[in-house]
Amino acid sequence: MESKKYVLDRFEGSFAVLEDIETRENISIDMEHIPPGADAGDVMLKTDDGFMVDRAATEERKKRVDSLFNKIKRNV
Protein backbone atom coordinates (compact mmCIF):
# COMPACT_ATOMS: atom_id res chain seq x y z
CA MET A 1 0.00 0.00 0.00
CA GLU A 2 1.33 3.44 -0.95
CA SER A 3 1.77 5.98 1.82
CA LYS A 4 -0.58 8.95 1.84
CA LYS A 5 1.19 12.23 1.02
CA TYR A 6 0.66 15.63 2.57
CA VAL A 7 2.36 19.01 2.45
CA LEU A 8 3.11 20.60 5.80
CA ASP A 9 1.26 23.88 5.29
CA ARG A 10 1.77 25.71 8.58
CA PHE A 11 1.98 25.55 12.34
CA GLU A 12 -0.85 26.81 14.55
CA GLY A 13 -0.03 26.73 18.24
CA SER A 14 0.59 23.10 19.21
CA PHE A 15 -0.77 21.77 15.90
CA ALA A 16 0.61 21.28 12.40
CA VAL A 17 -1.75 21.79 9.46
CA LEU A 18 -1.17 19.34 6.62
CA GLU A 19 -2.73 19.51 3.15
CA ASP A 20 -3.58 16.24 1.44
CA ILE A 21 -1.79 16.35 -1.94
CA GLU A 22 -4.60 14.48 -3.73
CA THR A 23 -7.73 16.00 -2.20
CA ARG A 24 -6.28 19.35 -1.03
CA GLU A 25 -8.17 18.89 2.25
CA ASN A 26 -6.48 20.10 5.43
CA ILE A 27 -5.98 18.10 8.59
CA SER A 28 -4.57 19.30 11.91
CA ILE A 29 -2.35 17.00 13.93
CA ASP A 30 -0.58 17.42 17.23
CA MET A 31 3.00 18.65 16.85
CA GLU A 32 4.29 15.58 18.71
CA HIS A 33 3.54 13.55 15.55
CA ILE A 34 5.71 15.76 13.33
CA PRO A 35 9.37 14.70 12.96
CA PRO A 36 11.97 17.11 14.39
CA GLY A 37 13.24 19.54 11.78
CA ALA A 38 10.15 19.34 9.56
CA ASP A 39 9.23 22.72 8.10
CA ALA A 40 6.44 24.35 6.13
CA GLY A 41 6.51 23.16 2.53
CA ASP A 42 7.90 19.72 3.36
CA VAL A 43 6.19 16.71 1.81
CA MET A 44 5.10 14.37 4.58
CA LEU A 45 4.32 10.67 4.26
CA LYS A 46 1.72 9.07 6.50
CA THR A 47 2.86 5.57 7.33
CA ASP A 48 1.74 2.95 9.82
CA ASP A 49 4.35 4.39 12.22
CA GLY A 50 3.27 8.03 11.87
CA PHE A 51 4.62 10.82 9.68
CA MET A 52 8.00 11.21 8.02
CA VAL A 53 9.50 13.82 5.70
CA ASP A 54 9.93 12.69 2.09
CA ARG A 55 13.11 14.64 1.29
CA ALA A 56 13.21 13.67 -2.41
CA ALA A 57 9.57 14.70 -2.99
CA THR A 58 10.16 17.92 -1.04
CA GLU A 59 13.15 18.85 -3.23
CA GLU A 60 11.22 18.04 -6.41
CA ARG A 61 8.28 20.16 -5.23
CA LYS A 62 10.55 23.10 -4.31
CA LYS A 63 12.23 22.98 -7.74
CA ARG A 64 8.83 22.98 -9.45
CA VAL A 65 7.62 25.95 -7.38
CA ASP A 66 10.87 27.87 -7.99
CA SER A 67 10.55 27.24 -11.73
CA LEU A 68 6.97 28.54 -11.79
CA PHE A 69 7.97 31.59 -9.74
CA ASN A 70 10.81 32.38 -12.16
CA LYS A 71 8.45 32.10 -15.14
CA ILE A 72 6.09 34.57 -13.46
CA LYS A 73 8.93 37.00 -12.73
CA ARG A 74 10.06 36.93 -16.37
CA ASN A 75 6.54 37.76 -17.57
CA VAL A 76 5.97 40.72 -15.26
PDB file of N, CA and C in Angstrom:
ATOM      1  N   MET A   1       0.842  -1.194   0.000  1.00  0.00           N
ATOM      2  CA  MET A   1       0.000   0.000   0.000  1.00  0.00           C
ATOM      3  C   MET A   1       0.880   1.249   0.000  1.00  0.00           C
ATOM      4  N   GLU A   2       0.555   2.211  -0.871  1.00  0.00           N
ATOM      5  CA  GLU A   2       1.326   3.436  -0.954  1.00  0.00           C
ATOM      6  C   GLU A   2       0.972   4.355   0.206  1.00  0.00           C
ATOM      7  N   SER A   3       1.992   5.034   0.725  1.00  0.00           N
ATOM      8  CA  SER A   3       1.772   5.977   1.822  1.00  0.00           C
ATOM      9  C   SER A   3       1.010   7.192   1.322  1.00  0.00           C
ATOM     10  N   LYS A   4       0.157   7.726   2.169  1.00  0.00           N
ATOM     11  CA  LYS A   4      -0.583   8.946   1.845  1.00  0.00           C
ATOM     12  C   LYS A   4       0.373  10.125   1.964  1.00  0.00           C
ATOM     13  N   LYS A   5       0.286  11.087   1.019  1.00  0.00           N
ATOM     14  CA  LYS A   5       1.190  12.233   1.020  1.00  0.00           C
ATOM     15  C   LYS A   5       0.461  13.519   1.366  1.00  0.00           C
ATOM     16  N   TYR A   6       1.150  14.330   2.147  1.00  0.00           N
ATOM     17  CA  TYR A   6       0.656  15.635   2.571  1.00  0.00           C
ATOM     18  C   TYR A   6       1.768  16.655   2.399  1.00  0.00           C
ATOM     19  N   VAL A   7       1.391  17.931   2.372  1.00  0.00           N
ATOM     20  CA  VAL A   7       2.360  19.010   2.451  1.00  0.00           C
ATOM     21  C   VAL A   7       2.139  19.688   3.799  1.00  0.00           C
ATOM     22  N   LEU A   8       3.222  19.886   4.538  1.00  0.00           N
ATOM     23  CA  LEU A   8       3.114  20.600   5.803  1.00  0.00           C
ATOM     24  C   LEU A   8       2.877  22.068   5.445  1.00  0.00           C
ATOM     25  N   ASP A   9       1.668  22.536   5.691  1.00  0.00           N
ATOM     26  CA  ASP A   9       1.261  23.880   5.289  1.00  0.00           C
ATOM     27  C   ASP A   9       1.719  24.942   6.286  1.00  0.00           C
ATOM     28  N   ARG A  10       1.442  24.689   7.571  1.00  0.00           N
ATOM     29  CA  ARG A  10       1.769  25.713   8.579  1.00  0.00           C
ATOM     30  C   ARG A  10       1.646  25.118   9.980  1.00  0.00           C
ATOM     31  N   PHE A  11       2.112  25.898  10.932  1.00  0.00           N
ATOM     32  CA  PHE A  11       1.982  25.547  12.344  1.00  0.00           C
ATOM     33  C   PHE A  11       1.011  26.518  12.990  1.00  0.00           C
ATOM     34  N   GLU A  12       0.119  25.990  13.803  1.00  0.00           N
ATOM     35  CA  GLU A  12      -0.847  26.813  14.550  1.00  0.00           C
ATOM     36  C   GLU A  12      -0.838  26.346  15.992  1.00  0.00           C
ATOM     37  N   GLY A  13      -0.141  27.105  16.837  1.00  0.00           N
ATOM     38  CA  GLY A  13      -0.034  26.728  18.242  1.00  0.00           C
ATOM     39  C   GLY A  13       0.655  25.382  18.377  1.00  0.00           C
ATOM     40  N   SER A  14      -0.011  24.426  19.003  1.00  0.00           N
ATOM     41  CA  SER A  14       0.587  23.105  19.210  1.00  0.00           C
ATOM     42  C   SER A  14       0.181  22.111  18.113  1.00  0.00           C
ATOM     43  N   PHE A  15      -0.339  22.629  16.999  1.00  0.00           N
ATOM     44  CA  PHE A  15      -0.769  21.773  15.899  1.00  0.00           C
ATOM     45  C   PHE A  15      -0.018  22.104  14.611  1.00  0.00           C
ATOM     46  N   ALA A  16       0.100  21.095  13.761  1.00  0.00           N
ATOM     47  CA  ALA A  16       0.609  21.277  12.404  1.00  0.00           C
ATOM     48  C   ALA A  16      -0.570  21.060  11.464  1.00  0.00           C
ATOM     49  N   VAL A  17      -0.681  21.916  10.457  1.00  0.00           N
ATOM     50  CA  VAL A  17      -1.749  21.788   9.463  1.00  0.00           C
ATOM     51  C   VAL A  17      -1.120  21.184   8.208  1.00  0.00           C
ATOM     52  N   LEU A  18      -1.658  20.043   7.800  1.00  0.00           N
ATOM     53  CA  LEU A  18      -1.172  19.340   6.624  1.00  0.00           C
ATOM     54  C   LEU A  18      -2.239  19.377   5.542  1.00  0.00           C
ATOM     55  N   GLU A  19      -1.799  19.539   4.278  1.00  0.00           N
ATOM     56  CA  GLU A  19      -2.731  19.515   3.154  1.00  0.00           C
ATOM     57  C   GLU A  19      -2.533  18.220   2.388  1.00  0.00           C
ATOM     58  N   ASP A  20      -3.606  17.474   2.213  1.00  0.00           N
ATOM     59  CA  ASP A  20      -3.581  16.242   1.441  1.00  0.00           C
ATOM     60  C   ASP A  20      -3.259  16.597  -0.015  1.00  0.00           C
ATOM     61  N   ILE A  21      -2.216  16.012  -0.580  1.00  0.00           N
ATOM     62  CA  ILE A  21      -1.786  16.346  -1.936  1.00  0.00           C
ATOM     63  C   ILE A  21      -2.858  15.993  -2.962  1.00  0.00           C
ATOM     64  N   GLU A  22      -3.583  14.904  -2.765  1.00  0.00           N
ATOM     65  CA  GLU A  22      -4.604  14.481  -3.734  1.00  0.00           C
ATOM     66  C   GLU A  22      -5.901  15.273  -3.609  1.00  0.00           C
ATOM     67  N   THR A  23      -6.411  15.396  -2.393  1.00  0.00           N
ATOM     68  CA  THR A  23      -7.734  15.999  -2.203  1.00  0.00           C
ATOM     69  C   THR A  23      -7.682  17.482  -1.862  1.00  0.00           C
ATOM     70  N   ARG A  24      -6.495  17.963  -1.456  1.00  0.00           N
ATOM     71  CA  ARG A  24      -6.276  19.352  -1.029  1.00  0.00           C
ATOM     72  C   ARG A  24      -7.022  19.689   0.262  1.00  0.00           C
ATOM     73  N   GLU A  25      -7.515  18.677   0.959  1.00  0.00           N
ATOM     74  CA  GLU A  25      -8.167  18.888   2.250  1.00  0.00           C
ATOM     75  C   GLU A  25      -7.094  19.053   3.321  1.00  0.00           C
ATOM     76  N   ASN A  26      -7.401  19.878   4.325  1.00  0.00           N
ATOM     77  CA  ASN A  26      -6.475  20.096   5.432  1.00  0.00           C
ATOM     78  C   ASN A  26      -6.834  19.223   6.622  1.00  0.00           C
ATOM     79  N   ILE A  27      -5.792  18.773   7.311  1.00  0.00           N
ATOM     80  CA  ILE A  27      -5.977  18.104   8.595  1.00  0.00           C
ATOM     81  C   ILE A  27      -5.039  18.770   9.589  1.00  0.00           C
ATOM     82  N   SER A  28      -5.425  18.782  10.846  1.00  0.00           N
ATOM     83  CA  SER A  28      -4.574  19.298  11.915  1.00  0.00           C
ATOM     84  C   SER A  28      -4.153  18.130  12.778  1.00  0.00           C
ATOM     85  N   ILE A  29      -2.854  18.058  13.062  1.00  0.00           N
ATOM     86  CA  ILE A  29      -2.354  17.003  13.933  1.00  0.00           C
ATOM     87  C   ILE A  29      -1.480  17.621  15.013  1.00  0.00           C
ATOM     88  N   ASP A  30      -1.399  16.944  16.120  1.00  0.00           N
ATOM     89  CA  ASP A  30      -0.580  17.415  17.235  1.00  0.00           C
ATOM     90  C   ASP A  30       0.885  17.438  16.811  1.00  0.00           C
ATOM     91  N   MET A  31       1.592  18.468  17.214  1.00  0.00           N
ATOM     92  CA  MET A  31       3.002  18.647  16.852  1.00  0.00           C
ATOM     93  C   MET A  31       3.872  17.452  17.248  1.00  0.00           C
ATOM     94  N   GLU A  32       3.468  16.711  18.261  1.00  0.00           N
ATOM     95  CA  GLU A  32       4.287  15.579  18.706  1.00  0.00           C
ATOM     96  C   GLU A  32       4.388  14.494  17.628  1.00  0.00           C
ATOM     97  N   HIS A  33       3.515  14.542  16.627  1.00  0.00           N
ATOM     98  CA  HIS A  33       3.536  13.549  15.552  1.00  0.00           C
ATOM     99  C   HIS A  33       4.361  13.993  14.344  1.00  0.00           C
ATOM    100  N   ILE A  34       4.897  15.218  14.411  1.00  0.00           N
ATOM    101  CA  ILE A  34       5.713  15.756  13.326  1.00  0.00           C
ATOM    102  C   ILE A  34       7.189  15.499  13.653  1.00  0.00           C
ATOM    103  N   PRO A  35       7.955  14.971  12.691  1.00  0.00           N
ATOM    104  CA  PRO A  35       9.367  14.697  12.960  1.00  0.00           C
ATOM    105  C   PRO A  35      10.144  15.991  13.244  1.00  0.00           C
ATOM    106  N   PRO A  36      11.143  15.927  14.115  1.00  0.00           N
ATOM    107  CA  PRO A  36      11.971  17.109  14.392  1.00  0.00           C
ATOM    108  C   PRO A  36      12.604  17.624  13.099  1.00  0.00           C
ATOM    109  N   GLY A  37      12.636  18.926  12.946  1.00  0.00           N
ATOM    110  CA  GLY A  37      13.243  19.541  11.782  1.00  0.00           C
ATOM    111  C   GLY A  37      12.310  19.716  10.598  1.00  0.00           C
ATOM    112  N   ALA A  38      11.107  19.165  10.658  1.00  0.00           N
ATOM    113  CA  ALA A  38      10.151  19.345   9.561  1.00  0.00           C
ATOM    114  C   ALA A  38       9.745  20.810   9.501  1.00  0.00           C
ATOM    115  N   ASP A  39       9.541  21.310   8.283  1.00  0.00           N
ATOM    116  CA  ASP A  39       9.231  22.724   8.105  1.00  0.00           C
ATOM    117  C   ASP A  39       8.107  22.880   7.086  1.00  0.00           C
ATOM    118  N   ALA A  40       7.501  24.064   7.092  1.00  0.00           N
ATOM    119  CA  ALA A  40       6.438  24.352   6.132  1.00  0.00           C
ATOM    120  C   ALA A  40       6.956  24.119   4.718  1.00  0.00           C
ATOM    121  N   GLY A  41       6.140  23.475   3.900  1.00  0.00           N
ATOM    122  CA  GLY A  41       6.514  23.159   2.530  1.00  0.00           C
ATOM    123  C   GLY A  41       7.045  21.750   2.360  1.00  0.00           C
ATOM    124  N   ASP A  42       7.395  21.083   3.451  1.00  0.00           N
ATOM    125  CA  ASP A  42       7.902  19.715   3.363  1.00  0.00           C
ATOM    126  C   ASP A  42       6.782  18.752   2.981  1.00  0.00           C
ATOM    127  N   VAL A  43       7.131  17.777   2.141  1.00  0.00           N
ATOM    128  CA  VAL A  43       6.192  16.714   1.805  1.00  0.00           C
ATOM    129  C   VAL A  43       6.299  15.658   2.911  1.00  0.00           C
ATOM    130  N   MET A  44       5.156  15.315   3.478  1.00  0.00           N
ATOM    131  CA  MET A  44       5.098  14.370   4.584  1.00  0.00           C
ATOM    132  C   MET A  44       4.409  13.091   4.120  1.00  0.00           C
ATOM    133  N   LEU A  45       4.942  11.963   4.538  1.00  0.00           N
ATOM    134  CA  LEU A  45       4.325  10.674   4.256  1.00  0.00           C
ATOM    135  C   LEU A  45       3.654  10.158   5.518  1.00  0.00           C
ATOM    136  N   LYS A  46       2.426   9.713   5.386  1.00  0.00           N
ATOM    137  CA  LYS A  46       1.722   9.066   6.502  1.00  0.00           C
ATOM    138  C   LYS A  46       1.943   7.571   6.357  1.00  0.00           C
ATOM    139  N   THR A  47       2.591   6.997   7.337  1.00  0.00           N
ATOM    140  CA  THR A  47       2.863   5.566   7.326  1.00  0.00           C
ATOM    141  C   THR A  47       2.180   4.934   8.538  1.00  0.00           C
ATOM    142  N   ASP A  48       2.315   3.638   8.659  1.00  0.00           N
ATOM    143  CA  ASP A  48       1.745   2.955   9.822  1.00  0.00           C
ATOM    144  C   ASP A  48       2.377   3.440  11.120  1.00  0.00           C
ATOM    145  N   ASP A  49       3.624   3.940  11.035  1.00  0.00           N
ATOM    146  CA  ASP A  49       4.348   4.393  12.221  1.00  0.00           C
ATOM    147  C   ASP A  49       4.180   5.879  12.509  1.00  0.00           C
ATOM    148  N   GLY A  50       3.454   6.595  11.669  1.00  0.00           N
ATOM    149  CA  GLY A  50       3.274   8.032  11.872  1.00  0.00           C
ATOM    150  C   GLY A  50       3.647   8.803  10.621  1.00  0.00           C
ATOM    151  N   PHE A  51       4.246   9.963  10.802  1.00  0.00           N
ATOM    152  CA  PHE A  51       4.623  10.821   9.683  1.00  0.00           C
ATOM    153  C   PHE A  51       6.131  10.890   9.545  1.00  0.00           C
ATOM    154  N   MET A  52       6.585  10.994   8.287  1.00  0.00           N
ATOM    155  CA  MET A  52       8.005  11.206   8.019  1.00  0.00           C
ATOM    156  C   MET A  52       8.129  12.166   6.844  1.00  0.00           C
ATOM    157  N   VAL A  53       9.254  12.891   6.799  1.00  0.00           N
ATOM    158  CA  VAL A  53       9.498  13.821   5.704  1.00  0.00           C
ATOM    159  C   VAL A  53      10.028  13.040   4.509  1.00  0.00           C
ATOM    160  N   ASP A  54       9.444  13.276   3.347  1.00  0.00           N
ATOM    161  CA  ASP A  54       9.928  12.691   2.093  1.00  0.00           C
ATOM    162  C   ASP A  54      10.843  13.744   1.465  1.00  0.00           C
ATOM    163  N   ARG A  55      12.146  13.631   1.739  1.00  0.00           N
ATOM    164  CA  ARG A  55      13.114  14.642   1.291  1.00  0.00           C
ATOM    165  C   ARG A  55      13.156  14.761  -0.226  1.00  0.00           C
ATOM    166  N   ALA A  56      13.137  13.631  -0.945  1.00  0.00           N
ATOM    167  CA  ALA A  56      13.206  13.666  -2.411  1.00  0.00           C
ATOM    168  C   ALA A  56      11.982  14.380  -2.990  1.00  0.00           C
ATOM    169  N   ALA A  57      10.788  14.058  -2.496  1.00  0.00           N
ATOM    170  CA  ALA A  57       9.566  14.698  -2.988  1.00  0.00           C
ATOM    171  C   ALA A  57       9.547  16.178  -2.626  1.00  0.00           C
ATOM    172  N   THR A  58      10.092  16.523  -1.455  1.00  0.00           N
ATOM    173  CA  THR A  58      10.162  17.922  -1.040  1.00  0.00           C
ATOM    174  C   THR A  58      11.062  18.710  -1.983  1.00  0.00           C
ATOM    175  N   GLU A  59      12.227  18.173  -2.309  1.00  0.00           N
ATOM    176  CA  GLU A  59      13.148  18.847  -3.226  1.00  0.00           C
ATOM    177  C   GLU A  59      12.523  19.017  -4.611  1.00  0.00           C
ATOM    178  N   GLU A  60      11.872  17.977  -5.100  1.00  0.00           N
ATOM    179  CA  GLU A  60      11.216  18.043  -6.407  1.00  0.00           C
ATOM    180  C   GLU A  60      10.140  19.114  -6.411  1.00  0.00           C
ATOM    181  N   ARG A  61       9.353  19.169  -5.339  1.00  0.00           N
ATOM    182  CA  ARG A  61       8.281  20.161  -5.230  1.00  0.00           C
ATOM    183  C   ARG A  61       8.851  21.570  -5.183  1.00  0.00           C
ATOM    184  N   LYS A  62       9.927  21.772  -4.415  1.00  0.00           N
ATOM    185  CA  LYS A  62      10.546  23.101  -4.312  1.00  0.00           C
ATOM    186  C   LYS A  62      11.112  23.549  -5.657  1.00  0.00           C
ATOM    187  N   LYS A  63      11.714  22.638  -6.409  1.00  0.00           N
ATOM    188  CA  LYS A  63      12.235  22.983  -7.738  1.00  0.00           C
ATOM    189  C   LYS A  63      11.104  23.395  -8.673  1.00  0.00           C
ATOM    190  N   ARG A  64       9.987  22.667  -8.610  1.00  0.00           N
ATOM    191  CA  ARG A  64       8.831  22.978  -9.449  1.00  0.00           C
ATOM    192  C   ARG A  64       8.262  24.357  -9.107  1.00  0.00           C
ATOM    193  N   VAL A  65       8.150  24.657  -7.818  1.00  0.00           N
ATOM    194  CA  VAL A  65       7.624  25.946  -7.375  1.00  0.00           C
ATOM    195  C   VAL A  65       8.577  27.070  -7.784  1.00  0.00           C
ATOM    196  N   ASP A  66       9.885  26.868  -7.592  1.00  0.00           N
ATOM    197  CA  ASP A  66      10.871  27.873  -7.993  1.00  0.00           C
ATOM    198  C   ASP A  66      10.799  28.145  -9.491  1.00  0.00           C
ATOM    199  N   SER A  67      10.642  27.091 -10.286  1.00  0.00           N
ATOM    200  CA  SER A  67      10.545  27.238 -11.735  1.00  0.00           C
ATOM    201  C   SER A  67       9.315  28.064 -12.114  1.00  0.00           C
ATOM    202  N   LEU A  68       8.186  27.783 -11.509  1.00  0.00           N
ATOM    203  CA  LEU A  68       6.969  28.539 -11.788  1.00  0.00           C
ATOM    204  C   LEU A  68       7.129  29.995 -11.373  1.00  0.00           C
ATOM    205  N   PHE A  69       7.751  30.227 -10.221  1.00  0.00           N
ATOM    206  CA  PHE A  69       7.971  31.589  -9.743  1.00  0.00           C
ATOM    207  C   PHE A  69       8.860  32.360 -10.716  1.00  0.00           C
ATOM    208  N   ASN A  70       9.915  31.709 -11.212  1.00  0.00           N
ATOM    209  CA  ASN A  70      10.813  32.380 -12.155  1.00  0.00           C
ATOM    210  C   ASN A  70      10.110  32.697 -13.468  1.00  0.00           C
ATOM    211  N   LYS A  71       9.220  31.823 -13.929  1.00  0.00           N
ATOM    212  CA  LYS A  71       8.445  32.105 -15.145  1.00  0.00           C
ATOM    213  C   LYS A  71       7.555  33.326 -14.934  1.00  0.00           C
ATOM    214  N   ILE A  72       6.950  33.425 -13.777  1.00  0.00           N
ATOM    215  CA  ILE A  72       6.089  34.570 -13.462  1.00  0.00           C
ATOM    216  C   ILE A  72       6.914  35.850 -13.445  1.00  0.00           C
ATOM    217  N   LYS A  73       8.081  35.808 -12.800  1.00  0.00           N
ATOM    218  CA  LYS A  73       8.930  36.999 -12.730  1.00  0.00           C
ATOM    219  C   LYS A  73       9.355  37.482 -14.114  1.00  0.00           C
ATOM    220  N   ARG A  74       9.639  36.553 -15.024  1.00  0.00           N
ATOM    221  CA  ARG A  74      10.063  36.934 -16.373  1.00  0.00           C
ATOM    222  C   ARG A  74       8.929  37.578 -17.163  1.00  0.00           C
ATOM    223  N   ASN A  75       7.684  37.248 -16.824  1.00  0.00           N
ATOM    224  CA  ASN A  75       6.538  37.762 -17.572  1.00  0.00           C
ATOM    225  C   ASN A  75       5.936  39.011 -16.962  1.00  0.00           C
ATOM    226  N   VAL A  76       6.518  39.518 -15.904  1.00  0.00           N
ATOM    227  CA  VAL A  76       5.968  40.719 -15.259  1.00  0.00           C
ATOM    228  C   VAL A  76       6.628  41.947 -15.810  1.00  0.00           C
TER     229      VAL A  76
END
